[in-house]
Protein backbone atom coordinates (compact mmCIF):
# COMPACT_ATOMS: atom_id res chain seq x y z
CA UNK A 1 -1.20 15.37 -16.14
CA UNK A 2 2.50 14.20 -15.85
CA UNK A 3 3.10 11.37 -13.25
CA UNK A 4 6.06 9.06 -12.98
CA UNK A 5 5.35 5.35 -11.93
CA UNK A 6 6.93 2.22 -13.28
CA UNK A 7 4.15 -0.08 -12.21
CA UNK A 8 0.33 0.16 -12.83
CA UNK A 9 -2.35 -1.94 -10.74
CA UNK A 10 -6.23 -1.55 -11.84
CA UNK A 11 -8.91 -2.74 -10.16
CA UNK A 12 -11.65 -4.30 -12.99
CA UNK A 13 -15.18 -3.45 -12.51
CA UNK A 14 -16.11 -0.19 -12.32
CA UNK A 15 -12.06 0.94 -13.12
CA UNK A 16 -11.43 -0.76 -16.83
CA UNK A 17 -14.99 -2.26 -17.33
CA UNK A 18 -18.43 -0.56 -16.59
CA UNK A 19 -20.43 -3.46 -15.06
CA UNK A 20 -22.40 -1.41 -12.44
CA UNK A 21 -25.69 -2.38 -13.74
CA UNK A 22 -24.55 -5.96 -14.08
CA UNK A 23 -23.78 -6.25 -10.32
CA UNK A 24 -26.56 -4.47 -9.14
CA UNK A 25 -29.02 -6.45 -11.10
CA UNK A 26 -27.42 -9.93 -10.17
CA UNK A 27 -27.02 -8.82 -5.87
CA UNK A 28 -31.08 -7.63 -6.66
CA UNK A 29 -32.02 -11.12 -7.54
CA UNK A 30 -29.93 -12.95 -5.31
CA UNK A 31 -31.77 -10.46 -2.40
CA UNK A 32 -35.37 -11.35 -3.59
CA UNK A 33 -34.12 -15.21 -3.80
CA UNK A 34 -32.54 -15.54 -0.22
CA UNK A 35 -35.26 -12.49 1.37
CA UNK A 36 -32.66 -9.95 2.31
CA UNK A 37 -33.35 -6.10 1.59
CA UNK A 38 -31.46 -5.17 -1.32
CA UNK A 39 -30.80 -1.62 -0.37
CA UNK A 40 -28.25 -3.38 2.60
CA UNK A 41 -26.35 -4.65 -0.13
CA UNK A 42 -26.62 -2.62 -2.40
CA UNK A 43 -24.53 -0.25 0.31
CA UNK A 44 -21.34 -2.44 -0.23
CA UNK A 45 -21.47 -4.91 -3.29
CA UNK A 46 -18.98 -2.63 -5.11
CA UNK A 47 -15.57 -3.46 -4.93
CA UNK A 48 -16.15 -6.56 -2.16
CA UNK A 49 -15.84 -10.18 -2.81
CA UNK A 50 -19.21 -12.13 -3.25
CA UNK A 51 -18.00 -14.51 -0.79
CA UNK A 52 -17.32 -11.85 1.99
CA UNK A 53 -21.00 -10.13 1.11
CA UNK A 54 -22.67 -13.41 1.57
CA UNK A 55 -20.63 -14.23 4.98
CA UNK A 56 -22.12 -10.88 6.03
CA UNK A 57 -25.36 -10.99 5.04
CA UNK A 58 -26.56 -14.98 5.19
CA UNK A 59 -23.85 -16.60 7.97
CA UNK A 60 -25.55 -19.81 7.62
CA UNK A 61 -25.99 -20.24 3.80
CA UNK A 62 -23.65 -22.93 1.69
CA UNK A 63 -21.33 -19.94 0.81
CA UNK A 64 -19.85 -21.79 -2.23
CA UNK A 65 -23.35 -22.70 -3.49
CA UNK A 66 -24.57 -18.96 -3.48
CA UNK A 67 -21.24 -17.96 -4.85
CA UNK A 68 -21.32 -20.39 -7.54
CA UNK A 69 -24.91 -19.25 -8.26
CA UNK A 70 -23.88 -15.27 -8.45
CA UNK A 71 -21.09 -16.15 -10.50
CA UNK A 72 -23.37 -18.13 -13.00
CA UNK A 73 -25.86 -15.07 -13.21
CA UNK A 74 -23.04 -12.44 -13.67
CA UNK A 75 -21.43 -14.47 -16.54
CA UNK A 76 -24.76 -15.05 -18.30
CA UNK A 77 -24.53 -11.05 -18.08
CA UNK A 78 -20.87 -10.51 -18.78
CA UNK A 79 -21.14 -9.51 -22.36
CA UNK A 80 -23.16 -6.16 -21.43
CA UNK A 81 -19.91 -4.70 -19.75
CA UNK A 82 -18.47 -1.87 -21.50
CA UNK A 83 -15.00 -0.43 -21.70
CA UNK A 84 -14.27 2.35 -19.53
CA UNK A 85 -13.48 5.44 -22.59
CA UNK A 86 -9.84 5.04 -23.62
CA UNK A 87 -8.81 1.55 -21.11
CA UNK A 88 -7.46 -0.51 -23.88
CA UNK A 89 -5.48 2.12 -25.68
CA UNK A 90 -4.00 3.43 -22.22
CA UNK A 91 -3.30 -0.48 -21.07
CA UNK A 92 -1.66 -1.11 -24.75
CA UNK A 93 1.09 1.64 -24.27
CA UNK A 94 2.18 0.17 -21.14
CA UNK A 95 4.76 -2.05 -20.91
CA UNK A 96 3.12 -5.89 -20.71
CA UNK A 97 5.08 -6.87 -17.43
CA UNK A 98 4.48 -3.42 -15.65
CA UNK A 99 1.03 -3.84 -15.06
CA UNK A 100 -1.40 -5.97 -13.81
CA UNK A 101 -5.52 -6.44 -12.34
CA UNK A 102 -6.10 -6.67 -8.80
CA UNK A 103 -9.99 -7.64 -8.64
CA UNK A 104 -12.92 -8.77 -6.27
CA UNK A 105 -14.19 -10.88 -9.18
CA UNK A 106 -13.53 -14.52 -9.71
CA UNK A 107 -10.92 -15.23 -12.40
CA UNK A 108 -13.52 -16.55 -14.42
CA UNK A 109 -15.46 -13.80 -14.37
CA UNK A 110 -12.74 -11.18 -14.94
CA UNK A 111 -11.56 -13.09 -17.72
CA UNK A 112 -15.13 -13.31 -19.48
CA UNK A 113 -15.93 -9.20 -18.96
CA UNK A 114 -12.14 -8.38 -20.24
CA UNK A 115 -12.62 -10.71 -23.48
CA UNK A 116 -16.53 -8.84 -23.88
CA UNK A 117 -14.71 -5.47 -23.64
CA UNK A 118 -11.83 -6.75 -26.04
CA UNK A 119 -9.00 -5.71 -23.45
CA UNK A 120 -5.70 -7.16 -23.46
CA UNK A 121 -5.31 -9.96 -20.68
CA UNK A 122 -2.60 -9.14 -18.46
CA UNK A 123 0.65 -11.36 -17.16
CA UNK A 124 -0.58 -10.44 -13.20
CA UNK A 125 -4.04 -11.15 -12.23
CA UNK A 126 -5.04 -11.43 -8.81
CA UNK A 127 -8.88 -12.57 -8.37
CA UNK A 128 -10.84 -13.41 -5.32
CA UNK A 129 -9.59 -16.83 -4.84
CA UNK A 130 -6.14 -15.44 -4.99
CA UNK A 131 -6.68 -13.95 -1.24
CA UNK A 132 -7.66 -15.09 2.13
CA UNK A 133 -8.95 -11.67 2.80
CA UNK A 134 -10.71 -9.44 0.18
CA UNK A 135 -10.73 -5.71 -0.12
CA UNK A 136 -10.91 -3.49 1.78
CA UNK A 137 -7.89 -5.15 3.68
CA UNK A 138 -4.73 -4.57 1.90
CA UNK A 139 -3.84 -8.54 1.45
CA UNK A 140 -4.88 -7.94 -2.75
CA UNK A 141 -2.37 -5.68 -3.32
CA UNK A 142 -0.18 -6.73 -1.32
CA UNK A 143 -0.07 -10.03 -3.34
CA UNK A 144 0.33 -8.23 -6.42
CA UNK A 145 3.34 -6.13 -4.86
CA UNK A 146 4.87 -9.29 -3.50
CA UNK A 147 4.73 -11.09 -6.94
CA UNK A 148 5.92 -7.48 -8.85
CA UNK A 149 8.66 -7.25 -6.39
CA UNK A 150 8.53 -3.78 -5.99
CA UNK A 151 7.90 -1.36 -3.11
CA UNK A 152 4.42 0.73 -3.28
CA UNK A 153 5.75 3.86 -3.90
CA UNK A 154 7.15 2.79 -7.74
CA UNK A 155 3.34 2.00 -8.32
CA UNK A 156 0.31 3.99 -8.86
CA UNK A 157 -3.38 2.25 -8.53
CA UNK A 158 -6.69 2.95 -10.01
CA UNK A 159 -9.60 2.21 -8.21
CA UNK A 160 -13.26 3.43 -7.94
CA UNK A 161 -14.86 1.93 -4.92
CA UNK A 162 -14.33 2.42 -0.93
CA UNK A 163 -13.63 -0.97 -0.49
CA UNK A 164 -10.93 -0.73 -3.28
CA UNK A 165 -9.46 2.88 -2.07
CA UNK A 166 -9.08 1.62 1.26
CA UNK A 167 -7.22 -2.19 0.19
CA UNK A 168 -4.54 0.01 -1.81
CA UNK A 169 -4.47 3.17 0.58
CA UNK A 170 -3.44 0.35 3.24
CA UNK A 171 -1.09 -1.62 1.17
CA UNK A 172 0.80 1.78 0.64
CA UNK A 173 0.09 2.74 -2.81
CA UNK A 174 -0.66 5.96 -4.15
CA UNK A 175 -4.06 6.00 -5.58
CA UNK A 176 -5.98 7.42 -9.29
CA UNK A 177 -9.77 7.23 -8.40
CA UNK A 178 -12.26 6.45 -11.47
CA UNK A 179 -14.63 8.54 -10.55
CA UNK A 180 -18.30 7.08 -10.43
CA UNK A 181 -20.96 5.91 -8.26
CA UNK A 182 -19.23 3.44 -5.82
CA UNK A 183 -17.47 5.63 -3.72
CA UNK A 184 -18.36 7.84 -1.20
CA UNK A 185 -14.93 8.98 0.23
CA UNK A 186 -11.68 9.10 -1.28
CA UNK A 187 -7.97 8.72 -0.48
CA UNK A 188 -6.76 9.42 -3.84
CA UNK A 189 -3.76 11.42 -5.49
CA UNK A 190 -6.02 12.45 -8.24
CA UNK A 191 -8.99 11.28 -9.99
CA UNK A 192 -10.09 10.77 -13.84
CA UNK A 193 -13.32 9.89 -15.37
CA UNK A 194 -11.67 8.04 -18.30
CA UNK A 195 -8.19 7.30 -19.64
CA UNK A 196 -8.07 9.59 -22.30
CA UNK A 197 -6.26 12.19 -20.44
CA UNK A 198 -3.84 10.08 -19.35
CA UNK A 199 -2.24 8.40 -22.88
CA UNK A 200 1.00 9.67 -23.14
CA UNK A 201 1.89 10.84 -19.38
CA UNK A 202 3.37 7.97 -18.02
């Protein structure tokens, strides 16, 4: 696979680190706590900011109190995060100033997951706190493109969820999907299961 791009943007959960069981465990606990049907949440909890899910399903709640509870629960489990195969090797093969992470996690959670998997910390990390509107809105990726001062055509995005794919697509980026269980549709250029096939091809 030979693809020519200068810049690389990555989602985090499900794209660089496997946290599916962690995320679903925490949301299941939250649903029990607030008496909401977990199956409604499960359909949309991947790739979307916690605060947006809370606003959708429990609009009368103290958003930041609930978000702090979710963050604490996920932090307690973050050491269980697993590197997507080949991710570290691939990231270290890229110029440090030419890649970044665009995640719906909080910054604190993002750092915790990266450290748990011994992945490099990027210079550019767009987290949930950095955007007025989260994925699937294009703002997260547009913010990253603005900071890098590049046209979307110079960038490839790696995503795993419907919300993330839609966000990157609306921002004008080409997309490689890291295939898993978090998407039902795809607008991607191509798909990968891990990063081994990409090493040395950019």
